[in-house]
Structure formats: structure tokens, C-alpha cells
Amino acid sequence: MIDQGKPAPPDPETRRTLLSELNERSRWYAAQVWQVPFAYLGIVGLVITQVVDKHSDQLWLAFIGAGVFGLFVLWHMRDLQDGVRRAVLNLQSLERGGGLITLAQYKPRYLRPFFFVVGLAVIASFLASYGLYPGTNHSVQHSVVPGSPSSTVSAASPSPSPRNL
């Protein structure tokens, strides 16, 4: 019968290999956490500029799409952050088990700015889509400077009435 107790500690060569692999894995996850937001912003920027050039009346749909895509990006980034955390915890466990000084650290506050940037872009996308939705009048009211061309009323333009404002 095989003993199902505590596994035997790995030999030094296996431990070295595991440390190296976990170190690479934590670096890969950490790199993805900062690369994914910039890729998201770049893709959204390209799509928005293409829509502005070709289908400006559908711009609100592009912003909704950017917001929804951003929510999925945030979800993916959360999973990447969890990958970093797990890799660092496993590194710490191996370091302690081998009698090494525990150097690996997990500091989620270093990753928060990337979540903030994507979250802000998602909120801005949804707000922009709301402001650009056809049939809504969310335009900014500008004050008219006396004597400017926009302050004179021509015969072709109707006079403003309380009903038209």
C-alpha cells in the first residue's frame, strides 16, 4: 500500500527547476497585466478612428462595443492577477521548503493603476455612447458672445421660442 501522507521534498535540482519555472510564470503573468490594458486602448483607439472616418452616425455603437470589450478585459486582467498571486505563493512555498530566504513578494497595489486605466476607459466609453446616442440632446449649451456671427439671427433661421429650446 502506498503512503498517501506528505510528499517527499524535491531534490535540489528539481527544486531549482521548479523555482525557475515559477519565476518565469510569475513574470509572464505580470507582463500580461500591463500589456493587456495598452493593447485594449490601442485596439479601441483604432476602431473608434475607423468608425469616425467611415460611419460617424454609428459612433455610439462603437463606444458601447468598446465598453463591453473593456469589461471582458477587466475580467481577464483579474484572472491574470490571480495567476501572479498563485505563482508567487508557490515560489514562497518552495523557498521556505528549501531553507532559502523568501524573496518573492506579491504586491497587488503595483497592478491597480492598470485596472484603473481600463476601468476609466470603460466608464468613458459608456458615457460617450450615451451622449452620442441618436435622438438624445446631450449637447453642451454654449454661451453666445454679443456681436459674434452666431448671435445674429438671419431671416432663414427661425426665431428661438420656448418650445424649441
N, C-alpha and C. Protein backbone atom coordinates (compact mmCIF):
# COMPACT_ATOMS: atom_id res chain seq x y z
N MET A 1 0.84 -1.17 0.00
CA MET A 1 0.00 0.00 0.00
C MET A 1 0.89 1.24 0.00
N ILE A 2 0.54 2.22 -0.81
CA ILE A 2 1.33 3.44 -0.94
C ILE A 2 0.90 4.42 0.14
N ASP A 3 1.87 5.05 0.77
CA ASP A 3 1.60 6.05 1.81
C ASP A 3 1.10 7.33 1.14
N GLN A 4 -0.09 7.78 1.51
CA GLN A 4 -0.70 8.99 0.95
C GLN A 4 -0.42 10.21 1.82
N GLY A 5 0.57 10.16 2.66
CA GLY A 5 0.90 11.27 3.56
C GLY A 5 1.55 12.42 2.81
N LYS A 6 2.38 13.14 3.53
CA LYS A 6 3.05 14.32 3.00
C LYS A 6 4.06 13.90 1.92
N PRO A 7 4.07 14.59 0.76
CA PRO A 7 5.03 14.21 -0.29
C PRO A 7 6.46 14.53 0.15
N ALA A 8 7.38 13.73 -0.39
CA ALA A 8 8.79 13.95 -0.08
C ALA A 8 9.26 15.26 -0.70
N PRO A 9 10.12 16.01 -0.01
CA PRO A 9 10.61 17.26 -0.59
C PRO A 9 11.42 16.96 -1.85
N PRO A 10 11.33 17.84 -2.85
CA PRO A 10 12.06 17.60 -4.10
C PRO A 10 13.57 17.73 -3.88
N ASP A 11 14.30 17.01 -4.71
CA ASP A 11 15.76 17.11 -4.62
C ASP A 11 16.19 18.49 -5.11
N PRO A 12 17.43 18.92 -4.82
CA PRO A 12 17.88 20.28 -5.16
C PRO A 12 17.74 20.63 -6.65
N GLU A 13 18.01 19.70 -7.52
CA GLU A 13 17.91 20.00 -8.96
C GLU A 13 16.45 20.23 -9.37
N THR A 14 15.55 19.40 -8.84
CA THR A 14 14.12 19.58 -9.12
C THR A 14 13.63 20.90 -8.55
N ARG A 15 14.07 21.23 -7.34
CA ARG A 15 13.69 22.50 -6.71
C ARG A 15 14.16 23.68 -7.55
N ARG A 16 15.38 23.60 -8.06
CA ARG A 16 15.92 24.68 -8.90
C ARG A 16 15.08 24.84 -10.16
N THR A 17 14.69 23.74 -10.76
CA THR A 17 13.87 23.77 -11.97
C THR A 17 12.50 24.37 -11.67
N LEU A 18 11.90 23.93 -10.55
CA LEU A 18 10.60 24.47 -10.17
C LEU A 18 10.66 25.97 -9.88
N LEU A 19 11.69 26.40 -9.18
CA LEU A 19 11.86 27.83 -8.90
C LEU A 19 11.98 28.62 -10.20
N SER A 20 12.75 28.09 -11.13
CA SER A 20 12.93 28.78 -12.41
C SER A 20 11.61 28.86 -13.17
N GLU A 21 10.87 27.76 -13.22
CA GLU A 21 9.59 27.75 -13.94
C GLU A 21 8.57 28.69 -13.31
N LEU A 22 8.48 28.65 -11.99
CA LEU A 22 7.53 29.53 -11.31
C LEU A 22 7.92 31.00 -11.45
N ASN A 23 9.20 31.27 -11.45
CA ASN A 23 9.66 32.64 -11.66
C ASN A 23 9.27 33.13 -13.05
N GLU A 24 9.46 32.29 -14.05
CA GLU A 24 9.07 32.65 -15.42
C GLU A 24 7.57 32.85 -15.52
N ARG A 25 6.82 31.97 -14.87
CA ARG A 25 5.36 32.07 -14.92
C ARG A 25 4.88 33.37 -14.27
N SER A 26 5.44 33.72 -13.12
CA SER A 26 5.02 34.97 -12.46
C SER A 26 5.38 36.18 -13.31
N ARG A 27 6.53 36.13 -13.97
CA ARG A 27 6.92 37.24 -14.85
C ARG A 27 6.00 37.35 -16.06
N TRP A 28 5.62 36.19 -16.60
CA TRP A 28 4.73 36.19 -17.76
C TRP A 28 3.39 36.80 -17.39
N TYR A 29 2.80 36.35 -16.28
CA TYR A 29 1.52 36.90 -15.84
C TYR A 29 1.64 38.40 -15.57
N ALA A 30 2.70 38.81 -14.90
CA ALA A 30 2.88 40.23 -14.58
C ALA A 30 3.02 41.06 -15.86
N ALA A 31 3.73 40.53 -16.85
CA ALA A 31 3.87 41.25 -18.12
C ALA A 31 2.53 41.38 -18.82
N GLN A 32 1.72 40.33 -18.76
CA GLN A 32 0.40 40.38 -19.38
C GLN A 32 -0.49 41.42 -18.72
N VAL A 33 -0.36 41.58 -17.41
CA VAL A 33 -1.20 42.54 -16.69
C VAL A 33 -0.96 43.97 -17.18
N TRP A 34 0.25 44.30 -17.59
CA TRP A 34 0.46 45.66 -18.10
C TRP A 34 0.35 45.73 -19.62
N GLN A 35 0.54 44.61 -20.34
CA GLN A 35 0.43 44.65 -21.80
C GLN A 35 -1.02 44.66 -22.26
N VAL A 36 -1.88 43.92 -21.59
CA VAL A 36 -3.28 43.82 -22.00
C VAL A 36 -3.99 45.18 -21.98
N PRO A 37 -3.84 46.01 -20.94
CA PRO A 37 -4.52 47.31 -20.99
C PRO A 37 -4.08 48.20 -22.15
N PHE A 38 -2.79 48.20 -22.45
CA PHE A 38 -2.32 49.03 -23.55
C PHE A 38 -2.80 48.48 -24.89
N ALA A 39 -2.87 47.16 -25.03
CA ALA A 39 -3.43 46.57 -26.25
C ALA A 39 -4.90 46.95 -26.38
N TYR A 40 -5.64 46.89 -25.27
CA TYR A 40 -7.06 47.28 -25.28
C TYR A 40 -7.22 48.73 -25.74
N LEU A 41 -6.45 49.63 -25.14
CA LEU A 41 -6.56 51.04 -25.51
C LEU A 41 -6.19 51.26 -26.97
N GLY A 42 -5.17 50.56 -27.46
CA GLY A 42 -4.78 50.69 -28.86
C GLY A 42 -5.86 50.18 -29.81
N ILE A 43 -6.43 49.02 -29.50
CA ILE A 43 -7.48 48.46 -30.35
C ILE A 43 -8.70 49.37 -30.36
N VAL A 44 -9.10 49.84 -29.18
CA VAL A 44 -10.26 50.72 -29.10
C VAL A 44 -9.99 52.01 -29.88
N GLY A 45 -8.80 52.56 -29.76
CA GLY A 45 -8.46 53.77 -30.49
C GLY A 45 -8.54 53.57 -31.99
N LEU A 46 -8.03 52.45 -32.47
CA LEU A 46 -8.10 52.16 -33.91
C LEU A 46 -9.54 52.00 -34.39
N VAL A 47 -10.33 51.27 -33.64
CA VAL A 47 -11.73 51.06 -34.04
C VAL A 47 -12.50 52.37 -34.04
N ILE A 48 -12.32 53.17 -33.01
CA ILE A 48 -13.05 54.45 -32.93
C ILE A 48 -12.66 55.36 -34.10
N THR A 49 -11.37 55.45 -34.42
CA THR A 49 -10.96 56.31 -35.54
C THR A 49 -11.50 55.79 -36.87
N GLN A 50 -11.58 54.47 -37.04
CA GLN A 50 -12.15 53.92 -38.27
C GLN A 50 -13.64 54.23 -38.36
N VAL A 51 -14.34 54.12 -37.26
CA VAL A 51 -15.77 54.40 -37.27
C VAL A 51 -16.02 55.88 -37.50
N VAL A 52 -15.22 56.76 -36.90
CA VAL A 52 -15.39 58.20 -37.11
C VAL A 52 -15.21 58.53 -38.58
N ASP A 53 -14.22 57.92 -39.24
CA ASP A 53 -13.95 58.21 -40.64
C ASP A 53 -15.03 57.68 -41.58
N LYS A 54 -15.60 56.52 -41.28
CA LYS A 54 -16.48 55.86 -42.25
C LYS A 54 -17.96 55.85 -41.87
N HIS A 55 -18.25 55.76 -40.58
CA HIS A 55 -19.64 55.62 -40.14
C HIS A 55 -19.88 56.45 -38.88
N SER A 56 -19.71 57.74 -38.98
CA SER A 56 -19.80 58.58 -37.78
C SER A 56 -21.17 58.53 -37.12
N ASP A 57 -22.21 58.19 -37.87
CA ASP A 57 -23.54 58.09 -37.27
C ASP A 57 -23.65 56.86 -36.36
N GLN A 58 -22.75 55.93 -36.50
CA GLN A 58 -22.76 54.71 -35.68
C GLN A 58 -21.70 54.74 -34.57
N LEU A 59 -21.16 55.90 -34.31
CA LEU A 59 -20.09 56.03 -33.32
C LEU A 59 -20.53 55.57 -31.93
N TRP A 60 -21.77 55.82 -31.59
CA TRP A 60 -22.28 55.41 -30.28
C TRP A 60 -22.20 53.89 -30.11
N LEU A 61 -22.44 53.15 -31.20
CA LEU A 61 -22.32 51.68 -31.13
C LEU A 61 -20.88 51.25 -30.91
N ALA A 62 -19.95 51.96 -31.51
CA ALA A 62 -18.53 51.64 -31.31
C ALA A 62 -18.13 51.85 -29.86
N PHE A 63 -18.66 52.89 -29.24
CA PHE A 63 -18.34 53.13 -27.83
C PHE A 63 -18.99 52.09 -26.92
N ILE A 64 -20.18 51.65 -27.25
CA ILE A 64 -20.79 50.57 -26.46
C ILE A 64 -19.94 49.30 -26.60
N GLY A 65 -19.53 48.99 -27.82
CA GLY A 65 -18.67 47.83 -28.03
C GLY A 65 -17.36 47.93 -27.26
N ALA A 66 -16.78 49.12 -27.25
CA ALA A 66 -15.53 49.33 -26.50
C ALA A 66 -15.74 49.13 -25.01
N GLY A 67 -16.89 49.58 -24.51
CA GLY A 67 -17.18 49.41 -23.08
C GLY A 67 -17.38 47.95 -22.71
N VAL A 68 -18.13 47.22 -23.52
CA VAL A 68 -18.37 45.80 -23.26
C VAL A 68 -17.06 45.02 -23.37
N PHE A 69 -16.29 45.32 -24.40
CA PHE A 69 -14.98 44.66 -24.57
C PHE A 69 -14.09 44.97 -23.36
N GLY A 70 -14.15 46.19 -22.87
CA GLY A 70 -13.37 46.58 -21.70
C GLY A 70 -13.76 45.80 -20.45
N LEU A 71 -15.04 45.49 -20.31
CA LEU A 71 -15.47 44.67 -19.16
C LEU A 71 -14.84 43.28 -19.22
N PHE A 72 -14.77 42.71 -20.42
CA PHE A 72 -14.12 41.41 -20.57
C PHE A 72 -12.61 41.51 -20.32
N VAL A 73 -12.02 42.62 -20.74
CA VAL A 73 -10.59 42.83 -20.48
C VAL A 73 -10.34 42.91 -18.98
N LEU A 74 -11.19 43.61 -18.24
CA LEU A 74 -11.05 43.68 -16.79
C LEU A 74 -11.16 42.29 -16.15
N TRP A 75 -12.08 41.50 -16.64
CA TRP A 75 -12.25 40.14 -16.14
C TRP A 75 -10.98 39.33 -16.38
N HIS A 76 -10.44 39.43 -17.59
CA HIS A 76 -9.21 38.72 -17.93
C HIS A 76 -8.04 39.21 -17.07
N MET A 77 -7.97 40.50 -16.85
CA MET A 77 -6.89 41.05 -16.03
C MET A 77 -6.98 40.53 -14.59
N ARG A 78 -8.19 40.38 -14.09
CA ARG A 78 -8.37 39.82 -12.74
C ARG A 78 -7.82 38.40 -12.68
N ASP A 79 -8.07 37.62 -13.72
CA ASP A 79 -7.53 36.26 -13.76
C ASP A 79 -6.01 36.26 -13.88
N LEU A 80 -5.46 37.19 -14.64
CA LEU A 80 -4.01 37.32 -14.73
C LEU A 80 -3.41 37.68 -13.38
N GLN A 81 -4.05 38.59 -12.68
CA GLN A 81 -3.57 38.98 -11.36
C GLN A 81 -3.59 37.78 -10.41
N ASP A 82 -4.62 36.95 -10.52
CA ASP A 82 -4.67 35.74 -9.70
C ASP A 82 -3.55 34.79 -10.07
N GLY A 83 -3.19 34.72 -11.35
CA GLY A 83 -2.07 33.89 -11.77
C GLY A 83 -0.75 34.36 -11.16
N VAL A 84 -0.56 35.66 -11.12
CA VAL A 84 0.65 36.22 -10.48
C VAL A 84 0.67 35.83 -9.01
N ARG A 85 -0.47 35.99 -8.35
CA ARG A 85 -0.55 35.69 -6.92
C ARG A 85 -0.22 34.21 -6.65
N ARG A 86 -0.82 33.31 -7.43
CA ARG A 86 -0.57 31.88 -7.23
C ARG A 86 0.89 31.51 -7.48
N ALA A 87 1.47 32.09 -8.53
CA ALA A 87 2.87 31.79 -8.84
C ALA A 87 3.79 32.27 -7.73
N VAL A 88 3.53 33.45 -7.19
CA VAL A 88 4.37 33.98 -6.11
C VAL A 88 4.19 33.15 -4.85
N LEU A 89 2.96 32.76 -4.53
CA LEU A 89 2.74 31.92 -3.35
C LEU A 89 3.47 30.59 -3.47
N ASN A 90 3.45 30.00 -4.65
CA ASN A 90 4.18 28.74 -4.86
C ASN A 90 5.69 28.95 -4.78
N LEU A 91 6.16 30.08 -5.29
CA LEU A 91 7.59 30.41 -5.16
C LEU A 91 7.98 30.53 -3.69
N GLN A 92 7.18 31.23 -2.92
CA GLN A 92 7.45 31.40 -1.50
C GLN A 92 7.47 30.05 -0.78
N SER A 93 6.54 29.18 -1.15
CA SER A 93 6.48 27.85 -0.52
C SER A 93 7.75 27.05 -0.83
N LEU A 94 8.20 27.10 -2.06
CA LEU A 94 9.43 26.39 -2.43
C LEU A 94 10.65 26.99 -1.73
N GLU A 95 10.67 28.31 -1.65
CA GLU A 95 11.81 28.95 -0.98
C GLU A 95 11.87 28.56 0.49
N ARG A 96 10.72 28.59 1.16
CA ARG A 96 10.69 28.20 2.58
C ARG A 96 11.05 26.73 2.76
N GLY A 97 10.52 25.89 1.88
CA GLY A 97 10.77 24.45 1.97
C GLY A 97 12.23 24.08 1.74
N GLY A 98 12.93 24.92 1.01
CA GLY A 98 14.33 24.64 0.71
C GLY A 98 15.29 25.34 1.65
N GLY A 99 14.75 26.00 2.65
CA GLY A 99 15.61 26.72 3.58
C GLY A 99 16.20 27.98 3.01
N LEU A 100 15.60 28.50 1.94
CA LEU A 100 16.10 29.73 1.32
C LEU A 100 15.41 30.95 1.93
N ILE A 101 16.00 32.10 1.76
CA ILE A 101 15.37 33.35 2.17
C ILE A 101 14.21 33.60 1.22
N THR A 102 13.04 33.93 1.77
CA THR A 102 11.86 34.17 0.95
C THR A 102 11.95 35.57 0.34
N LEU A 103 12.22 35.60 -0.96
CA LEU A 103 12.38 36.88 -1.66
C LEU A 103 11.18 37.24 -2.52
N ALA A 104 10.44 36.24 -2.98
CA ALA A 104 9.29 36.50 -3.84
C ALA A 104 8.21 37.22 -3.05
N GLN A 105 7.66 38.27 -3.65
CA GLN A 105 6.61 39.05 -3.00
C GLN A 105 5.50 39.33 -3.99
N TYR A 106 4.30 39.35 -3.46
CA TYR A 106 3.12 39.69 -4.26
C TYR A 106 2.58 41.01 -3.74
N LYS A 107 2.59 42.02 -4.59
CA LYS A 107 2.12 43.35 -4.20
C LYS A 107 1.06 43.81 -5.20
N PRO A 108 -0.20 43.54 -4.89
CA PRO A 108 -1.27 43.89 -5.85
C PRO A 108 -1.40 45.38 -6.10
N ARG A 109 -0.92 46.21 -5.19
CA ARG A 109 -1.05 47.65 -5.40
C ARG A 109 -0.24 48.11 -6.62
N TYR A 110 0.76 47.33 -7.02
CA TYR A 110 1.53 47.68 -8.21
C TYR A 110 0.70 47.48 -9.48
N LEU A 111 -0.33 46.65 -9.40
CA LEU A 111 -1.14 46.35 -10.58
C LEU A 111 -2.41 47.21 -10.65
N ARG A 112 -2.76 47.85 -9.58
CA ARG A 112 -4.02 48.62 -9.53
C ARG A 112 -4.11 49.73 -10.57
N PRO A 113 -3.03 50.47 -10.86
CA PRO A 113 -3.17 51.53 -11.88
C PRO A 113 -3.65 51.01 -13.24
N PHE A 114 -3.27 49.79 -13.59
CA PHE A 114 -3.70 49.24 -14.87
C PHE A 114 -5.21 48.96 -14.87
N PHE A 115 -5.71 48.47 -13.74
CA PHE A 115 -7.15 48.27 -13.60
C PHE A 115 -7.88 49.61 -13.65
N PHE A 116 -7.30 50.61 -13.02
CA PHE A 116 -7.89 51.94 -13.00
C PHE A 116 -8.01 52.51 -14.42
N VAL A 117 -6.96 52.36 -15.21
CA VAL A 117 -6.95 52.91 -16.58
C VAL A 117 -8.03 52.24 -17.42
N VAL A 118 -8.11 50.91 -17.35
CA VAL A 118 -9.12 50.21 -18.15
C VAL A 118 -10.52 50.53 -17.62
N GLY A 119 -10.68 50.56 -16.31
CA GLY A 119 -11.99 50.89 -15.74
C GLY A 119 -12.44 52.28 -16.15
N LEU A 120 -11.53 53.23 -16.14
CA LEU A 120 -11.85 54.59 -16.55
C LEU A 120 -12.24 54.63 -18.04
N ALA A 121 -11.54 53.87 -18.86
CA ALA A 121 -11.87 53.81 -20.29
C ALA A 121 -13.24 53.18 -20.51
N VAL A 122 -13.59 52.18 -19.72
CA VAL A 122 -14.91 51.55 -19.83
C VAL A 122 -16.00 52.56 -19.48
N ILE A 123 -15.82 53.25 -18.37
CA ILE A 123 -16.82 54.25 -17.95
C ILE A 123 -16.94 55.36 -19.00
N ALA A 124 -15.81 55.83 -19.50
CA ALA A 124 -15.81 56.89 -20.53
C ALA A 124 -16.51 56.39 -21.80
N SER A 125 -16.30 55.13 -22.16
CA SER A 125 -16.94 54.58 -23.36
C SER A 125 -18.46 54.56 -23.22
N PHE A 126 -18.93 54.10 -22.07
CA PHE A 126 -20.38 54.06 -21.87
C PHE A 126 -20.98 55.46 -21.80
N LEU A 127 -20.29 56.39 -21.16
CA LEU A 127 -20.78 57.76 -21.12
C LEU A 127 -20.78 58.39 -22.51
N ALA A 128 -19.75 58.12 -23.29
CA ALA A 128 -19.70 58.66 -24.66
C ALA A 128 -20.82 58.08 -25.51
N SER A 129 -21.10 56.79 -25.36
CA SER A 129 -22.19 56.18 -26.14
C SER A 129 -23.53 56.79 -25.76
N TYR A 130 -23.71 57.08 -24.48
CA TYR A 130 -24.95 57.71 -24.03
C TYR A 130 -25.08 59.11 -24.62
N GLY A 131 -23.99 59.85 -24.64
CA GLY A 131 -24.02 61.20 -25.18
C GLY A 131 -24.18 61.25 -26.69
N LEU A 132 -23.76 60.21 -27.39
CA LEU A 132 -23.83 60.19 -28.85
C LEU A 132 -25.05 59.45 -29.39
N TYR A 133 -25.83 58.84 -28.52
CA TYR A 133 -26.99 58.07 -28.97
C TYR A 133 -27.95 58.97 -29.73
N PRO A 134 -28.38 58.53 -30.92
CA PRO A 134 -29.28 59.37 -31.72
C PRO A 134 -30.61 59.61 -31.00
N GLY A 135 -31.12 60.79 -31.17
CA GLY A 135 -32.40 61.12 -30.58
C GLY A 135 -32.30 61.75 -29.21
N THR A 136 -31.13 61.75 -28.63
CA THR A 136 -30.96 62.41 -27.34
C THR A 136 -30.27 63.73 -27.58
N ASN A 137 -30.59 64.70 -26.79
CA ASN A 137 -29.99 66.01 -26.94
C ASN A 137 -29.13 66.27 -25.70
N HIS A 138 -27.92 65.74 -25.73
CA HIS A 138 -26.99 65.91 -24.61
C HIS A 138 -25.88 66.88 -24.97
N SER A 139 -26.16 67.73 -25.97
CA SER A 139 -25.10 68.63 -26.40
C SER A 139 -24.87 69.71 -25.35
N VAL A 140 -23.68 70.24 -25.34
CA VAL A 140 -23.29 71.28 -24.40
C VAL A 140 -23.84 72.60 -24.92
N GLN A 141 -24.48 73.35 -24.06
CA GLN A 141 -25.01 74.66 -24.43
C GLN A 141 -23.89 75.69 -24.31
N HIS A 142 -23.59 76.37 -25.41
CA HIS A 142 -22.54 77.38 -25.42
C HIS A 142 -23.18 78.76 -25.24
N SER A 143 -22.50 79.61 -24.53
CA SER A 143 -23.00 80.97 -24.41
C SER A 143 -22.62 81.73 -25.67
N VAL A 144 -23.47 82.66 -26.06
CA VAL A 144 -23.26 83.44 -27.27
C VAL A 144 -22.64 84.77 -26.89
N VAL A 145 -21.57 85.11 -27.59
CA VAL A 145 -20.89 86.38 -27.36
C VAL A 145 -21.58 87.43 -28.21
N PRO A 146 -22.03 88.55 -27.60
CA PRO A 146 -22.70 89.60 -28.40
C PRO A 146 -21.79 90.09 -29.52
N GLY A 147 -22.38 90.24 -30.69
CA GLY A 147 -21.63 90.75 -31.83
C GLY A 147 -20.98 89.64 -32.65
N SER A 148 -20.99 88.41 -32.16
CA SER A 148 -20.39 87.33 -32.93
C SER A 148 -21.37 86.88 -33.99
N PRO A 149 -20.89 86.22 -35.05
CA PRO A 149 -21.80 85.79 -36.13
C PRO A 149 -22.92 84.89 -35.62
N SER A 150 -22.69 84.13 -34.57
CA SER A 150 -23.74 83.23 -34.10
C SER A 150 -24.80 83.97 -33.28
N SER A 151 -24.54 85.24 -32.91
CA SER A 151 -25.52 85.97 -32.10
C SER A 151 -26.53 86.71 -32.97
N THR A 152 -26.27 86.82 -34.28
CA THR A 152 -27.22 87.50 -35.16
C THR A 152 -28.18 86.48 -35.72
N VAL A 153 -29.42 86.84 -35.85
CA VAL A 153 -30.45 85.95 -36.36
C VAL A 153 -30.71 86.33 -37.80
N SER A 154 -30.62 85.37 -38.68
CA SER A 154 -30.89 85.64 -40.09
C SER A 154 -32.36 85.37 -40.36
N ALA A 155 -32.80 85.82 -41.53
CA ALA A 155 -34.20 85.63 -41.90
C ALA A 155 -34.50 84.16 -42.14
N ALA A 156 -33.49 83.38 -42.53
CA ALA A 156 -33.71 81.97 -42.83
C ALA A 156 -33.86 81.12 -41.57
N SER A 157 -33.31 81.59 -40.46
CA SER A 157 -33.41 80.78 -39.25
C SER A 157 -34.60 81.22 -38.42
N PRO A 158 -35.33 80.27 -37.89
CA PRO A 158 -36.49 80.65 -37.08
C PRO A 158 -36.05 81.28 -35.77
N SER A 159 -36.89 82.15 -35.27
CA SER A 159 -36.57 82.79 -34.00
C SER A 159 -36.74 81.76 -32.89
N PRO A 160 -35.87 81.84 -31.89
CA PRO A 160 -35.99 80.87 -30.81
C PRO A 160 -37.28 81.09 -30.01
N SER A 161 -37.96 80.03 -29.74
CA SER A 161 -39.15 80.10 -28.91
C SER A 161 -38.97 79.15 -27.74
N PRO A 162 -39.70 79.35 -26.67
CA PRO A 162 -39.54 78.45 -25.53
C PRO A 162 -39.80 77.00 -25.90
N ARG A 163 -40.62 76.77 -26.90
CA ARG A 163 -40.93 75.41 -27.32
C ARG A 163 -39.71 74.76 -28.01
N ASN A 164 -38.90 75.52 -28.72
CA ASN A 164 -37.74 74.99 -29.45
C ASN A 164 -36.52 74.81 -28.56
N LEU A 165 -36.49 75.40 -27.40
CA LEU A 165 -35.32 75.31 -26.53
C LEU A 165 -35.38 74.08 -25.77
